[in-house]
Structures are given as C-alpha cells and as structure tokens.
Protein backbone atom coordinates (compact mmCIF):
# COMPACT_ATOMS: atom_id res chain seq x y z
CA MET A 1 155.09 134.84 151.97
CA ALA A 2 154.60 131.02 153.43
CA LYS A 3 157.01 131.08 155.85
CA ASP A 4 155.70 134.52 157.34
CA LEU A 5 151.95 132.49 157.33
CA ARG A 6 153.63 130.01 159.23
CA VAL A 7 155.60 132.18 161.77
CA TYR A 8 152.71 134.30 162.45
CA ASN A 9 150.02 131.32 163.02
CA HIS A 10 152.83 130.37 165.44
CA LEU A 11 152.98 133.30 167.48
CA ASN A 12 150.08 134.68 167.14
CA TYR A 13 146.91 132.19 166.57
CA LYS A 14 147.86 129.51 169.13
CA ASP A 15 148.22 131.26 172.45
CA GLN A 16 144.96 133.57 171.55
CA PRO A 17 143.05 131.88 169.32
CA SER A 18 140.01 134.38 169.07
CA GLU A 19 142.28 137.59 169.22
CA GLY A 20 144.64 135.98 166.85
CA GLU A 21 141.61 134.74 164.41
CA ASP A 22 140.87 138.12 163.74
CA LYS A 23 144.37 139.17 162.78
CA PHE A 24 144.92 136.09 161.10
CA VAL A 25 142.20 137.18 158.47
CA GLU A 26 143.83 140.49 158.44
CA PHE A 27 147.01 139.46 157.55
CA LEU A 28 145.97 137.44 155.03
CA PHE A 29 144.39 140.55 153.50
CA GLN A 30 147.33 142.71 153.32
CA HIS A 31 149.40 139.76 152.16
CA THR A 32 147.79 138.59 149.22
CA GLU A 33 148.94 139.47 145.76
CA MET A 34 145.40 138.94 143.62
CA ASP A 35 142.06 141.61 144.09
CA ALA A 36 139.10 140.65 145.41
CA PRO A 37 136.79 141.02 142.32
CA GLU A 38 134.12 143.70 142.41
CA ILE A 39 130.58 142.56 142.40
CA ASP A 40 127.33 144.16 141.58
CA GLU A 41 125.12 143.49 143.72
CA SER A 42 122.18 144.54 141.79
CA LYS A 43 123.24 142.57 139.09
CA ALA A 44 123.26 139.51 140.34
CA TRP A 45 120.29 139.70 142.57
CA ASN A 46 118.51 140.30 139.34
CA ALA A 47 120.21 137.85 137.89
CA LEU A 48 118.93 135.31 140.72
CA THR A 49 115.31 136.65 140.99
CA GLN A 50 115.13 135.72 136.47
CA LYS A 51 115.88 131.64 137.71
CA ILE A 52 113.63 131.86 140.25
CA ASN A 53 110.37 133.58 138.26
CA ASN A 54 111.51 130.98 135.21
CA PRO A 55 112.68 127.68 137.02
CA ASN A 56 111.53 125.80 133.47
CA ARG A 57 113.62 127.63 131.28
CA SER A 58 116.70 125.44 132.01
CA PHE A 59 114.87 123.11 131.89
CA ALA A 60 113.35 123.77 128.49
CA TRP A 61 116.70 124.25 126.68
CA MET A 62 117.72 120.93 128.25
CA LYS A 63 114.86 119.48 126.52
CA ILE A 64 115.26 120.74 123.63
CA ALA A 65 119.24 119.96 123.41
CA ALA A 66 118.24 116.28 124.34
CA ALA A 67 115.62 115.72 121.86
CA VAL A 68 118.15 117.24 118.66
CA THR A 69 120.82 115.07 120.00
CA ILE A 70 118.46 111.87 119.65
CA LEU A 71 116.99 112.97 116.54
CA ALA A 72 121.01 113.08 115.40
CA ILE A 73 121.73 110.04 116.89
CA LEU A 74 118.98 108.33 114.91
CA SER A 75 119.53 109.55 111.44
CA VAL A 76 123.24 108.38 111.78
CA THR A 77 121.79 105.33 112.65
CA VAL A 78 119.25 104.69 109.47
CA TYR A 79 122.15 105.79 107.41
CA LEU A 80 124.14 103.50 109.13
CA TYR A 81 122.46 100.81 109.14
CA GLU A 82 120.13 101.05 105.99
CA PRO A 83 120.61 98.16 103.80
CA THR A 84 122.32 98.61 100.34
CA ILE A 85 120.33 97.66 97.61
CA THR A 86 122.41 95.75 94.93
CA GLU A 87 121.16 95.99 91.61
CA VAL A 88 121.62 93.16 88.93
CA HIS A 89 122.68 93.44 85.41
CA VAL A 90 122.41 91.08 82.87
CA ALA A 91 122.84 91.06 79.28
CA SER A 92 122.76 88.85 76.11
CA ALA A 93 124.90 88.93 73.17
CA ASP A 94 124.85 86.71 70.37
CA GLU A 95 122.96 83.89 72.69
CA LYS A 96 119.54 83.50 74.61
CA VAL A 97 120.46 84.12 78.31
CA SER A 98 117.56 82.67 81.13
CA VAL A 99 117.08 85.05 84.34
CA THR A 100 115.44 83.98 87.04
CA PHE A 101 114.02 86.91 89.03
CA PRO A 102 114.36 87.14 93.41
CA ASP A 103 110.53 86.33 93.37
CA GLY A 104 110.88 83.12 90.94
CA SER A 105 109.72 85.05 87.87
CA VAL A 106 111.36 83.86 84.20
CA GLY A 107 112.65 85.99 82.00
CA ILE A 108 114.63 84.58 78.57
CA LEU A 109 116.18 87.37 76.87
CA ASN A 110 116.60 87.17 73.05
CA THR A 111 120.00 87.93 71.32
CA ASN A 112 121.52 91.74 72.20
CA SER A 113 118.99 92.85 74.85
CA SER A 114 119.16 93.36 78.51
CA PHE A 115 117.61 93.50 82.29
CA SER A 116 118.09 95.15 85.47
CA TYR A 117 117.05 94.49 88.53
CA PRO A 118 116.88 94.86 92.34
CA GLU A 119 118.75 91.86 93.91
CA LYS A 120 115.61 91.78 96.37
CA PHE A 121 112.08 93.31 95.27
CA GLY A 122 109.99 95.10 98.32
CA ASP A 123 106.71 96.52 97.99
CA SER A 124 107.10 95.68 93.88
CA ARG A 125 108.67 94.02 91.83
CA ASN A 126 110.82 96.24 89.21
CA VAL A 127 112.66 95.40 86.39
CA THR A 128 113.95 97.53 83.66
CA PHE A 129 114.87 95.86 80.25
CA GLU A 130 115.87 96.58 76.62
CA GLY A 131 115.51 94.16 73.37
CA GLU A 132 113.05 91.41 73.58
CA ALA A 133 112.28 88.80 76.30
CA TYR A 134 110.20 86.30 77.07
CA PHE A 135 108.45 86.38 80.44
CA ASP A 136 107.03 83.98 82.84
CA ILE A 137 105.72 85.64 85.95
CA VAL A 138 104.79 84.57 89.10
CA LYS A 139 101.43 85.10 90.42
CA SER A 140 101.26 87.71 93.28
CA GLU A 141 99.31 90.49 95.19
CA LYS A 142 103.12 92.70 94.04
CA PRO A 143 102.56 94.08 90.65
CA PHE A 144 105.28 92.76 88.36
CA VAL A 145 106.37 96.30 86.49
CA ILE A 146 108.70 96.55 83.67
CA ASP A 147 109.88 100.13 82.51
CA VAL A 148 110.61 99.96 79.07
CA ASN A 149 112.29 103.45 78.66
CA GLY A 150 109.31 105.51 79.99
CA VAL A 151 106.82 102.84 79.44
CA ASP A 152 105.45 100.76 81.78
CA VAL A 153 104.07 97.17 81.26
CA LYS A 154 102.54 96.18 84.79
CA VAL A 155 101.09 92.56 85.53
CA LEU A 156 100.20 90.15 88.48
CA GLY A 157 100.72 86.74 86.84
CA THR A 158 101.25 85.55 83.23
CA ALA A 159 103.25 85.25 80.37
CA PHE A 160 104.02 86.93 77.58
CA ASN A 161 106.56 88.31 74.89
CA LEU A 162 107.76 92.06 74.88
CA VAL A 163 109.98 94.11 72.31
CA THR A 164 111.31 97.38 72.36
CA SER A 165 113.28 99.86 69.87
CA LYS A 166 112.78 103.56 69.39
CA ASP A 167 109.95 104.13 67.76
CA GLU A 168 107.73 101.72 69.07
CA VAL A 169 107.41 98.54 72.13
CA LYS A 170 105.27 95.47 71.49
CA LEU A 171 103.63 92.97 73.13
CA TYR A 172 102.43 89.59 72.87
CA VAL A 173 100.24 87.92 75.62
CA ASP A 174 101.22 84.36 75.45
CA ARG A 175 98.35 83.90 78.92
CA GLY A 176 97.18 86.12 81.88
CA LEU A 177 95.90 89.65 81.21
CA VAL A 178 98.99 92.14 80.45
CA ALA A 179 98.42 96.49 80.86
CA PHE A 180 100.33 99.01 79.05
CA GLU A 181 101.15 102.24 81.06
CA LYS A 182 102.12 106.04 80.34
CA GLU A 183 101.67 108.93 81.72
CA GLY A 184 98.06 107.53 84.16
CA GLN A 185 96.77 106.33 80.90
CA GLN A 186 96.37 102.48 80.75
CA THR A 187 95.53 99.75 78.26
CA GLN A 188 94.90 96.08 78.70
CA VAL A 189 96.16 93.25 76.56
CA SER A 190 94.65 89.76 77.08
CA ALA A 191 95.94 86.23 75.94
CA GLY A 192 95.76 85.87 72.42
CA LYS A 193 96.71 89.78 71.00
CA GLU A 194 99.48 92.04 70.52
CA ALA A 195 99.41 95.66 71.27
CA ILE A 196 102.41 98.36 69.46
CA PHE A 197 102.93 101.22 71.42
CA ASN A 198 103.73 104.04 69.45
CA ARG A 199 106.11 106.30 71.07
CA SER A 200 106.18 109.47 68.40
CA ASN A 201 102.27 110.12 69.32
CA GLY A 202 101.63 107.88 72.41
CA THR A 203 99.00 105.89 70.94
CA VAL A 204 98.45 101.83 71.72
CA GLU A 205 97.25 99.40 68.14
CA LEU A 206 95.57 96.57 69.92
CA LYS A 207 94.88 93.57 67.83
CA GLU A 208 94.85 89.51 67.48
CA MET A 209 97.98 88.02 67.60
CA ALA A 210 98.88 87.11 63.93
CA SER A 211 101.11 84.08 64.58
CA LEU A 212 101.85 82.34 67.72
CA ASN A 213 105.43 81.51 66.26
CA ILE A 214 106.57 85.26 67.07
CA MET A 215 107.78 83.34 70.32
CA ALA A 216 109.30 80.72 68.72
CA TRP A 217 112.89 81.98 69.12
CA ARG A 218 112.58 81.35 72.79
CA ASN A 219 112.17 77.27 71.84
CA GLY A 220 112.64 77.01 68.08
CA VAL A 221 109.02 76.00 68.02
CA PHE A 222 107.22 77.04 64.66
CA ASN A 223 103.51 75.94 63.69
CA PHE A 224 102.43 76.61 60.17
CA ASP A 225 98.59 76.22 59.48
CA ASP A 226 98.39 76.99 56.16
CA THR A 227 100.31 79.90 56.51
CA PRO A 228 101.01 82.03 53.09
CA LEU A 229 105.03 80.97 51.78
CA ASN A 230 106.31 84.76 52.61
CA GLU A 231 105.28 84.60 55.93
CA ALA A 232 106.86 81.76 56.84
CA LEU A 233 110.12 82.84 55.50
CA ASP A 234 110.00 86.10 57.21
CA GLU A 235 109.72 84.04 60.72
CA LEU A 236 112.13 81.68 59.79
CA SER A 237 114.66 84.31 58.23
CA GLU A 238 114.76 85.96 61.82
CA TYR A 239 115.54 83.10 63.94
CA TYR A 240 118.14 81.60 61.89
CA ASP A 241 119.17 84.53 60.40
CA VAL A 242 119.37 83.93 57.17
CA ASP A 243 118.07 85.47 54.45
CA PHE A 244 115.75 84.21 51.26
CA GLU A 245 115.86 84.78 47.88
CA LEU A 246 113.01 83.24 45.36
CA SER A 247 113.72 82.77 41.98
CA ASP A 248 109.83 83.17 40.77
CA ASP A 249 107.72 85.69 43.11
CA LYS A 250 104.52 83.08 41.66
CA LEU A 251 106.28 80.92 44.73
CA LEU A 252 104.87 83.50 47.34
CA SER A 253 101.35 82.24 46.84
CA CYS A 254 102.37 78.89 47.76
CA ARG A 255 100.80 77.81 51.67
CA ILE A 256 102.88 75.23 53.87
CA SER A 257 101.32 73.05 56.70
CA ALA A 258 104.14 72.02 59.41
CA THR A 259 105.56 71.63 62.46
CA PHE A 260 109.16 72.01 63.57
CA LYS A 261 110.43 71.74 66.58
CA ASN A 262 114.36 72.71 67.22
CA GLN A 263 115.23 71.52 63.99
CA SER A 264 118.37 72.92 62.06
CA LEU A 265 118.13 75.17 59.42
CA LYS A 266 118.90 72.45 56.90
CA GLU A 267 116.06 69.85 58.45
CA VAL A 268 113.77 72.82 58.02
CA LEU A 269 114.57 73.67 54.02
CA GLU A 270 114.47 69.38 53.32
CA THR A 271 110.97 69.27 54.51
CA ILE A 272 109.77 72.65 53.09
CA GLY A 273 111.27 71.51 49.38
CA THR A 274 109.58 68.51 50.18
CA VAL A 275 105.70 69.65 50.69
CA LEU A 276 106.23 72.65 47.95
CA ASN A 277 108.04 70.87 45.39
CA ILE A 278 110.50 73.47 45.73
CA LYS A 279 114.37 73.54 45.63
CA THR A 280 116.82 75.23 48.04
CA THR A 281 120.32 76.04 47.96
CA ILE A 282 122.51 78.18 50.90
CA LYS A 283 124.95 80.11 50.20
CA ASN A 284 126.79 82.48 52.55
CA ASP A 285 123.68 83.24 54.79
CA ILE A 286 121.51 83.49 51.70
CA VAL A 287 118.99 80.93 51.18
CA LYS A 288 117.94 81.00 47.27
CA ILE A 289 114.60 78.75 46.36
CA SER A 290 113.58 78.22 42.82
CA GLY A 291 111.13 75.32 41.35
CA GLN A 292 107.55 74.99 40.03
CA GLY A 293 106.04 74.95 43.56
CA CYS A 294 102.82 74.27 45.28
C-alpha cells in the first residue's frame, strides 16, 4: 500500500493540488486496514457536559489522593526514624552490684536481685525491680517510678531500701518522702519509717523503722545501742550468711552496744565475746555461743 500511495501522490496530487487533495483522502479511506471507531455523539456530549458542570470533582479527588500519599509518606518516615529504645538489664548473683541510672541516681543491688530500665529516661524515670536494693535518687521534677510486680514506688528525690518477695513489699526510708501506689491508692512514707505492703489483701502497714541496720548490707556498718542480743544476731546472720546457736536461752536477754564498720565475722565475734563475756566458735557456717553471758 505504501508503494501505491507514493505513485498516486506523484501522479495526481502534484499536478492538481485541490482536486488531488480530495481524491487522496478518499484513497486513504478505501485502502486502510482499520475501521474507524463508531462514536456515540450523545454519550460523548453528556460526558463533556458533566465535566464542565463539575469542575472541582477531579480536583477534589486529586486532593484526596495527595493527602493519602502524604500521610503514607509521613507514616513510613516516623516508622523509619523513630528512635529504638534500648532496655538495660542488670542482675546480681552472689555479689552486690552498684548501678548508675541515666539521670545519675544510684541503685545498689543486694544478692539475687535485678534492675531493668531504658538506656535513656523520657518524661518519667521508670525502673523495674526484683529482690533487695538501696536507692539514692537524684531530685528532679520527673518522678522516679519503681515497678515492683504491679506495685509502684514513686519518689522525686530521696534515699530508701526496698525489699520484694512473693507475699509482700518492704520499704525503709532513709531520707526524703516515698509513696506506695496500687490501683490509684497512695500511701506516703517519710524518713525513719518503714512500710509493708501485703500483696494478698492490698493493705499497707506503716510504723517506725525498728533499726537502721536493715540497710547495713550495702556498706557493712552496724550500730547497736543497747540492742537485745537476739535482734543483733538476726541482723548479723543475714549479712554474714551464718546461723547462730546458743547453748542457753538466757543469753537472749543480754543487750549489746557496739559499732562495726566493714569488719570480718571473726572480728565481730571477738568484740561480742569480750563485751558480753561469752565464748564463740565457728564451724561450717554455724556459730555456737556459750558461757554465762551479760
């Protein structure tokens, strides 16, 4: 067909422009292999009318599409650039462990205890805790919250000792003010007092701290001031991990006044023996006490 067109155009169109022009168009229609599409003039006119009468319709859809696209981009951006919060876990086994939290506060773990906290604190300072620990909290407007298996201990700046177990949570406040909080109910505990939270019934027992030696495990300092011997031995037993056996129950009525600072068990027993006129022997983590005493 291409050859026929060249011939026809050369013979007819060149010599007679106007007449050849009409015949050339007619020739194209006769020799084309494609049929011209049928056009529904009424349908096309209606479609054009609708677009003219609703000029904002297409623009509205464009705005919606643009908004959806922007929202998707923002969501992906937030997901990609949201900082990952690193959780720090610290656990003690047979030795005490000192931890400095991101705000500079200090926590000293007793044996078989643990801390979990974020690498960086946000609007609040949150720590999860189990076991026994002494806390010295830096003062701040942001609350320091210790989660003890569903019970919150909240402070702003203070020092205290905390002991957890399956049945209860014990709090001993060294300085400042500490609050127990459970399901919206709060109990405040001031310096020199202790509080015991009972997990089974949700009650809090508040009383004067029996002895500052409760916190002696962290620094090995014991102060006994006319203290009954049985109470002194209980505190020493936990710290030195030994058991005491008395040859005579009458020895329990003895009282002791003494101060021990990071001394060995042998040195402590020698002092007690001299002060109370008693004899002590150690065998297999058992300390036997005998003599007249007092």
